[in-house]
Amino acid sequence: MKIAYFSVTGQVRRFVKKLNLPSFEITNFSQSDIDDSFILVVPTYEPDITYPADEFLEDYSDKCCGILGSGNRNFGDEFVYTAKDLAKKYNLPMLYSFEFNGTQEDVANVLEIITKIK
């Protein structure tokens, strides 16, 4: 399973690297990156910052198996709202959420989720 991701500060990029799976950043991808299905990982920011993830899903949501969200739990109900909003808009499952660049437990949980999707 490939991992597509959008990263603003590098937190999401660091999390994706921990997964040790084929991945590509949606701001710099080639058509061959999306020949197969993927999972999208996004941070939590206002839509004017995360619009590349929305635009990417406009074109490729049919290949997306679900969304992972990164955020800060200090924001309460706003925790991972970008991932939740995209999941709802494109009728995709919200697979998992984690803080910042995730823990080893988050990595293990996501890898387990991915094995069930394959």
N, C-alpha and C. Protein backbone atom coordinates (compact mmCIF):
# COMPACT_ATOMS: atom_id res chain seq x y z
N MET A 1 0.85 -1.18 0.00
CA MET A 1 0.00 0.00 0.00
C MET A 1 0.89 1.23 0.00
N LYS A 2 0.63 2.14 -0.91
CA LYS A 2 1.37 3.40 -0.94
C LYS A 2 0.74 4.40 0.01
N ILE A 3 1.57 5.31 0.47
CA ILE A 3 1.13 6.38 1.34
C ILE A 3 1.33 7.70 0.59
N ALA A 4 0.25 8.42 0.37
CA ALA A 4 0.32 9.77 -0.16
C ALA A 4 0.23 10.70 1.04
N TYR A 5 0.95 11.82 1.00
CA TYR A 5 0.89 12.70 2.16
C TYR A 5 1.09 14.15 1.77
N PHE A 6 0.57 15.02 2.63
CA PHE A 6 0.77 16.45 2.52
C PHE A 6 1.36 16.89 3.85
N SER A 7 2.47 17.62 3.80
CA SER A 7 3.14 18.03 5.02
C SER A 7 3.46 19.51 4.95
N VAL A 8 3.17 20.22 6.01
CA VAL A 8 3.45 21.66 6.06
C VAL A 8 4.73 21.91 6.85
N THR A 9 4.81 21.38 8.07
CA THR A 9 5.96 21.64 8.94
C THR A 9 6.96 20.48 8.96
N GLY A 10 6.61 19.37 8.33
CA GLY A 10 7.48 18.20 8.33
C GLY A 10 7.03 17.11 9.29
N GLN A 11 6.06 17.39 10.15
CA GLN A 11 5.59 16.38 11.11
C GLN A 11 5.01 15.17 10.38
N VAL A 12 4.14 15.41 9.41
CA VAL A 12 3.53 14.30 8.66
C VAL A 12 4.60 13.54 7.88
N ARG A 13 5.52 14.26 7.27
CA ARG A 13 6.61 13.61 6.52
C ARG A 13 7.42 12.69 7.44
N ARG A 14 7.71 13.15 8.67
CA ARG A 14 8.46 12.32 9.61
C ARG A 14 7.66 11.06 9.98
N PHE A 15 6.36 11.21 10.18
CA PHE A 15 5.52 10.05 10.49
C PHE A 15 5.54 9.05 9.34
N VAL A 16 5.36 9.53 8.14
CA VAL A 16 5.33 8.64 6.97
C VAL A 16 6.65 7.88 6.83
N LYS A 17 7.75 8.55 7.06
CA LYS A 17 9.07 7.88 6.97
C LYS A 17 9.16 6.73 7.97
N LYS A 18 8.55 6.89 9.15
CA LYS A 18 8.57 5.83 10.16
C LYS A 18 7.82 4.58 9.69
N LEU A 19 6.87 4.74 8.80
CA LEU A 19 6.10 3.59 8.31
C LEU A 19 6.93 2.69 7.41
N ASN A 20 7.96 3.26 6.80
CA ASN A 20 8.85 2.49 5.92
C ASN A 20 8.07 1.79 4.80
N LEU A 21 7.15 2.52 4.20
CA LEU A 21 6.35 2.02 3.09
C LEU A 21 6.56 2.94 1.89
N PRO A 22 6.26 2.46 0.69
CA PRO A 22 6.35 3.35 -0.47
C PRO A 22 5.45 4.57 -0.25
N SER A 23 5.98 5.74 -0.54
CA SER A 23 5.22 6.96 -0.28
C SER A 23 5.57 8.03 -1.30
N PHE A 24 4.70 9.02 -1.37
CA PHE A 24 4.97 10.19 -2.21
C PHE A 24 4.26 11.38 -1.62
N GLU A 25 4.91 12.54 -1.75
CA GLU A 25 4.32 13.78 -1.29
C GLU A 25 3.47 14.36 -2.41
N ILE A 26 2.24 14.72 -2.11
CA ILE A 26 1.31 15.11 -3.18
C ILE A 26 1.70 16.41 -3.86
N THR A 27 2.59 17.18 -3.27
CA THR A 27 3.05 18.40 -3.93
C THR A 27 4.15 18.12 -4.94
N ASN A 28 4.58 16.86 -5.02
CA ASN A 28 5.66 16.49 -5.93
C ASN A 28 5.50 15.03 -6.32
N PHE A 29 4.50 14.71 -7.13
CA PHE A 29 4.26 13.32 -7.48
C PHE A 29 4.21 13.16 -8.99
N SER A 30 4.39 11.93 -9.42
CA SER A 30 4.25 11.61 -10.84
C SER A 30 3.03 10.70 -11.00
N GLN A 31 2.53 10.62 -12.20
CA GLN A 31 1.35 9.80 -12.47
C GLN A 31 1.57 8.35 -12.03
N SER A 32 2.79 7.87 -12.15
CA SER A 32 3.06 6.47 -11.77
C SER A 32 2.89 6.24 -10.26
N ASP A 33 2.97 7.31 -9.47
CA ASP A 33 2.79 7.18 -8.02
C ASP A 33 1.37 6.77 -7.67
N ILE A 34 0.42 7.09 -8.52
CA ILE A 34 -0.98 6.83 -8.20
C ILE A 34 -1.61 5.78 -9.10
N ASP A 35 -0.80 4.89 -9.63
CA ASP A 35 -1.34 3.78 -10.42
C ASP A 35 -2.11 2.81 -9.54
N ASP A 36 -1.74 2.74 -8.29
CA ASP A 36 -2.39 1.83 -7.35
C ASP A 36 -3.13 2.63 -6.28
N SER A 37 -3.80 1.89 -5.42
CA SER A 37 -4.50 2.55 -4.32
C SER A 37 -3.50 3.09 -3.30
N PHE A 38 -3.97 4.02 -2.50
CA PHE A 38 -3.11 4.67 -1.51
C PHE A 38 -3.95 5.08 -0.31
N ILE A 39 -3.24 5.43 0.75
CA ILE A 39 -3.83 6.05 1.94
C ILE A 39 -3.25 7.46 2.01
N LEU A 40 -4.10 8.43 2.32
CA LEU A 40 -3.66 9.82 2.41
C LEU A 40 -3.46 10.22 3.87
N VAL A 41 -2.35 10.90 4.14
CA VAL A 41 -2.05 11.42 5.48
C VAL A 41 -1.97 12.94 5.38
N VAL A 42 -2.74 13.61 6.25
CA VAL A 42 -2.77 15.07 6.21
C VAL A 42 -2.63 15.67 7.61
N PRO A 43 -2.05 16.87 7.69
CA PRO A 43 -2.00 17.58 8.95
C PRO A 43 -3.28 18.38 9.15
N THR A 44 -3.39 19.06 10.27
CA THR A 44 -4.56 19.88 10.56
C THR A 44 -4.20 21.36 10.43
N TYR A 45 -4.76 21.98 9.41
CA TYR A 45 -4.60 23.41 9.17
C TYR A 45 -5.87 23.92 8.49
N GLU A 46 -5.96 25.21 8.39
CA GLU A 46 -7.09 25.83 7.69
C GLU A 46 -7.10 25.40 6.22
N PRO A 47 -8.28 25.36 5.59
CA PRO A 47 -8.38 24.92 4.20
C PRO A 47 -7.50 25.71 3.22
N ASP A 48 -7.23 26.98 3.50
CA ASP A 48 -6.39 27.74 2.58
C ASP A 48 -4.94 27.26 2.59
N ILE A 49 -4.57 26.49 3.59
CA ILE A 49 -3.23 25.90 3.64
C ILE A 49 -3.25 24.47 3.10
N THR A 50 -4.31 23.72 3.39
CA THR A 50 -4.37 22.30 2.99
C THR A 50 -5.09 22.08 1.66
N TYR A 51 -5.36 23.15 0.92
CA TYR A 51 -6.07 22.98 -0.35
C TYR A 51 -5.38 22.01 -1.32
N PRO A 52 -4.04 21.86 -1.32
CA PRO A 52 -3.46 20.87 -2.23
C PRO A 52 -3.98 19.45 -1.97
N ALA A 53 -4.23 19.12 -0.72
CA ALA A 53 -4.77 17.78 -0.40
C ALA A 53 -6.18 17.64 -0.94
N ASP A 54 -6.98 18.68 -0.82
CA ASP A 54 -8.34 18.68 -1.34
C ASP A 54 -8.33 18.55 -2.86
N GLU A 55 -7.50 19.33 -3.52
CA GLU A 55 -7.41 19.27 -4.98
C GLU A 55 -6.92 17.90 -5.45
N PHE A 56 -5.99 17.32 -4.72
CA PHE A 56 -5.48 15.99 -5.05
C PHE A 56 -6.62 14.97 -4.98
N LEU A 57 -7.42 15.03 -3.92
CA LEU A 57 -8.53 14.10 -3.78
C LEU A 57 -9.62 14.32 -4.82
N GLU A 58 -9.78 15.54 -5.28
CA GLU A 58 -10.75 15.80 -6.35
C GLU A 58 -10.46 14.91 -7.55
N ASP A 59 -9.18 14.72 -7.83
CA ASP A 59 -8.77 13.93 -9.00
C ASP A 59 -8.58 12.45 -8.70
N TYR A 60 -8.22 12.10 -7.46
CA TYR A 60 -7.79 10.73 -7.18
C TYR A 60 -8.50 10.05 -6.02
N SER A 61 -9.62 10.58 -5.57
CA SER A 61 -10.30 9.98 -4.42
C SER A 61 -10.76 8.55 -4.70
N ASP A 62 -10.95 8.21 -5.97
CA ASP A 62 -11.37 6.86 -6.31
C ASP A 62 -10.30 5.82 -6.00
N LYS A 63 -9.06 6.24 -5.84
CA LYS A 63 -7.97 5.33 -5.51
C LYS A 63 -7.58 5.38 -4.04
N CYS A 64 -8.21 6.28 -3.30
CA CYS A 64 -7.87 6.46 -1.89
C CYS A 64 -8.65 5.48 -1.02
N CYS A 65 -7.94 4.73 -0.18
CA CYS A 65 -8.55 3.73 0.71
C CYS A 65 -8.93 4.31 2.07
N GLY A 66 -8.51 5.53 2.34
CA GLY A 66 -8.82 6.14 3.63
C GLY A 66 -7.83 7.22 3.98
N ILE A 67 -8.11 7.90 5.09
CA ILE A 67 -7.32 9.05 5.49
C ILE A 67 -6.82 8.90 6.92
N LEU A 68 -5.58 9.32 7.13
CA LEU A 68 -4.97 9.42 8.46
C LEU A 68 -4.78 10.90 8.75
N GLY A 69 -5.03 11.30 9.99
CA GLY A 69 -4.89 12.70 10.35
C GLY A 69 -3.90 12.94 11.46
N SER A 70 -3.10 13.98 11.29
CA SER A 70 -2.16 14.41 12.31
C SER A 70 -2.66 15.73 12.89
N GLY A 71 -2.50 15.91 14.20
CA GLY A 71 -2.95 17.14 14.81
C GLY A 71 -2.45 17.29 16.23
N ASN A 72 -3.07 18.21 16.93
CA ASN A 72 -2.70 18.53 18.30
C ASN A 72 -3.96 18.37 19.16
N ARG A 73 -3.92 17.47 20.12
CA ARG A 73 -5.09 17.20 20.96
C ARG A 73 -5.50 18.40 21.81
N ASN A 74 -4.61 19.37 21.98
CA ASN A 74 -4.96 20.58 22.72
C ASN A 74 -6.09 21.36 22.06
N PHE A 75 -6.37 21.07 20.79
CA PHE A 75 -7.43 21.79 20.08
C PHE A 75 -8.79 21.14 20.24
N GLY A 76 -8.90 20.14 21.13
CA GLY A 76 -10.19 19.54 21.47
C GLY A 76 -10.95 19.01 20.27
N ASP A 77 -12.16 19.52 20.06
CA ASP A 77 -13.00 19.05 18.96
C ASP A 77 -12.41 19.34 17.59
N GLU A 78 -11.48 20.26 17.52
CA GLU A 78 -10.83 20.61 16.25
C GLU A 78 -9.68 19.65 15.90
N PHE A 79 -9.40 18.70 16.79
CA PHE A 79 -8.32 17.73 16.55
C PHE A 79 -8.57 17.01 15.23
N VAL A 80 -7.62 17.02 14.37
CA VAL A 80 -7.59 16.40 13.03
C VAL A 80 -8.81 16.75 12.17
N TYR A 81 -9.31 17.98 12.29
CA TYR A 81 -10.50 18.35 11.52
C TYR A 81 -10.26 18.33 10.02
N THR A 82 -9.04 18.58 9.56
CA THR A 82 -8.78 18.53 8.12
C THR A 82 -9.04 17.13 7.59
N ALA A 83 -8.49 16.12 8.27
CA ALA A 83 -8.70 14.74 7.84
C ALA A 83 -10.18 14.37 7.91
N LYS A 84 -10.85 14.77 8.98
CA LYS A 84 -12.28 14.46 9.12
C LYS A 84 -13.10 15.12 8.02
N ASP A 85 -12.80 16.38 7.72
CA ASP A 85 -13.53 17.10 6.68
C ASP A 85 -13.32 16.46 5.31
N LEU A 86 -12.07 16.09 4.99
CA LEU A 86 -11.80 15.46 3.70
C LEU A 86 -12.46 14.09 3.60
N ALA A 87 -12.42 13.34 4.69
CA ALA A 87 -13.06 12.02 4.69
C ALA A 87 -14.56 12.15 4.42
N LYS A 88 -15.17 13.12 5.05
CA LYS A 88 -16.61 13.33 4.86
C LYS A 88 -16.90 13.81 3.43
N LYS A 89 -16.14 14.78 2.97
CA LYS A 89 -16.38 15.35 1.64
C LYS A 89 -16.26 14.31 0.53
N TYR A 90 -15.29 13.41 0.65
CA TYR A 90 -15.04 12.42 -0.40
C TYR A 90 -15.56 11.02 -0.05
N ASN A 91 -16.33 10.94 1.04
CA ASN A 91 -16.92 9.67 1.47
C ASN A 91 -15.85 8.57 1.62
N LEU A 92 -14.81 8.92 2.36
CA LEU A 92 -13.69 8.00 2.61
C LEU A 92 -13.63 7.69 4.10
N PRO A 93 -13.12 6.53 4.46
CA PRO A 93 -13.00 6.23 5.88
C PRO A 93 -11.87 7.02 6.55
N MET A 94 -12.16 7.48 7.74
CA MET A 94 -11.15 8.11 8.59
C MET A 94 -10.51 6.95 9.34
N LEU A 95 -9.28 6.58 8.97
CA LEU A 95 -8.66 5.36 9.46
C LEU A 95 -7.99 5.50 10.82
N TYR A 96 -7.37 6.65 11.08
CA TYR A 96 -6.59 6.78 12.31
C TYR A 96 -6.19 8.24 12.49
N SER A 97 -5.98 8.62 13.73
CA SER A 97 -5.48 9.96 14.02
C SER A 97 -4.36 9.86 15.05
N PHE A 98 -3.43 10.80 14.96
CA PHE A 98 -2.28 10.80 15.86
C PHE A 98 -1.82 12.24 16.08
N GLU A 99 -1.04 12.43 17.14
CA GLU A 99 -0.50 13.76 17.41
C GLU A 99 0.86 13.94 16.78
N PHE A 100 1.05 15.13 16.22
CA PHE A 100 2.34 15.58 15.69
C PHE A 100 2.93 14.57 14.71
N ASN A 101 4.09 13.99 15.02
CA ASN A 101 4.67 13.01 14.10
C ASN A 101 4.49 11.58 14.60
N GLY A 102 3.59 11.39 15.52
CA GLY A 102 3.21 10.04 15.98
C GLY A 102 4.24 9.37 16.86
N THR A 103 3.77 8.35 17.55
CA THR A 103 4.62 7.53 18.42
C THR A 103 4.86 6.19 17.74
N GLN A 104 5.70 5.39 18.34
CA GLN A 104 5.92 4.04 17.82
C GLN A 104 4.63 3.22 17.89
N GLU A 105 3.81 3.48 18.91
CA GLU A 105 2.52 2.81 19.02
C GLU A 105 1.60 3.23 17.86
N ASP A 106 1.63 4.49 17.49
CA ASP A 106 0.84 4.95 16.34
C ASP A 106 1.31 4.26 15.06
N VAL A 107 2.61 4.16 14.89
CA VAL A 107 3.16 3.48 13.72
C VAL A 107 2.67 2.03 13.67
N ALA A 108 2.77 1.33 14.78
CA ALA A 108 2.32 -0.07 14.83
C ALA A 108 0.82 -0.18 14.53
N ASN A 109 0.03 0.72 15.09
CA ASN A 109 -1.41 0.70 14.85
C ASN A 109 -1.74 0.94 13.37
N VAL A 110 -1.06 1.90 12.76
CA VAL A 110 -1.31 2.20 11.34
C VAL A 110 -0.88 1.02 10.47
N LEU A 111 0.25 0.43 10.77
CA LEU A 111 0.71 -0.72 9.98
C LEU A 111 -0.29 -1.88 10.08
N GLU A 112 -0.86 -2.07 11.25
CA GLU A 112 -1.88 -3.12 11.42
C GLU A 112 -3.13 -2.79 10.60
N ILE A 113 -3.55 -1.54 10.61
CA ILE A 113 -4.71 -1.13 9.83
C ILE A 113 -4.46 -1.37 8.34
N ILE A 114 -3.27 -1.04 7.88
CA ILE A 114 -2.93 -1.20 6.47
C ILE A 114 -2.98 -2.67 6.06
N THR A 115 -2.53 -3.57 6.93
CA THR A 115 -2.57 -5.00 6.57
C THR A 115 -4.00 -5.49 6.37
N LYS A 116 -4.95 -4.86 7.03
CA LYS A 116 -6.35 -5.26 6.89
C LYS A 116 -6.98 -4.71 5.63
N ILE A 117 -6.38 -3.66 5.06
CA ILE A 117 -6.90 -3.04 3.84
C ILE A 117 -6.43 -3.79 2.61
N LYS A 118 -5.23 -4.28 2.63
CA LYS A 118 -4.64 -4.91 1.44
C LYS A 118 -5.48 -5.95 0.87
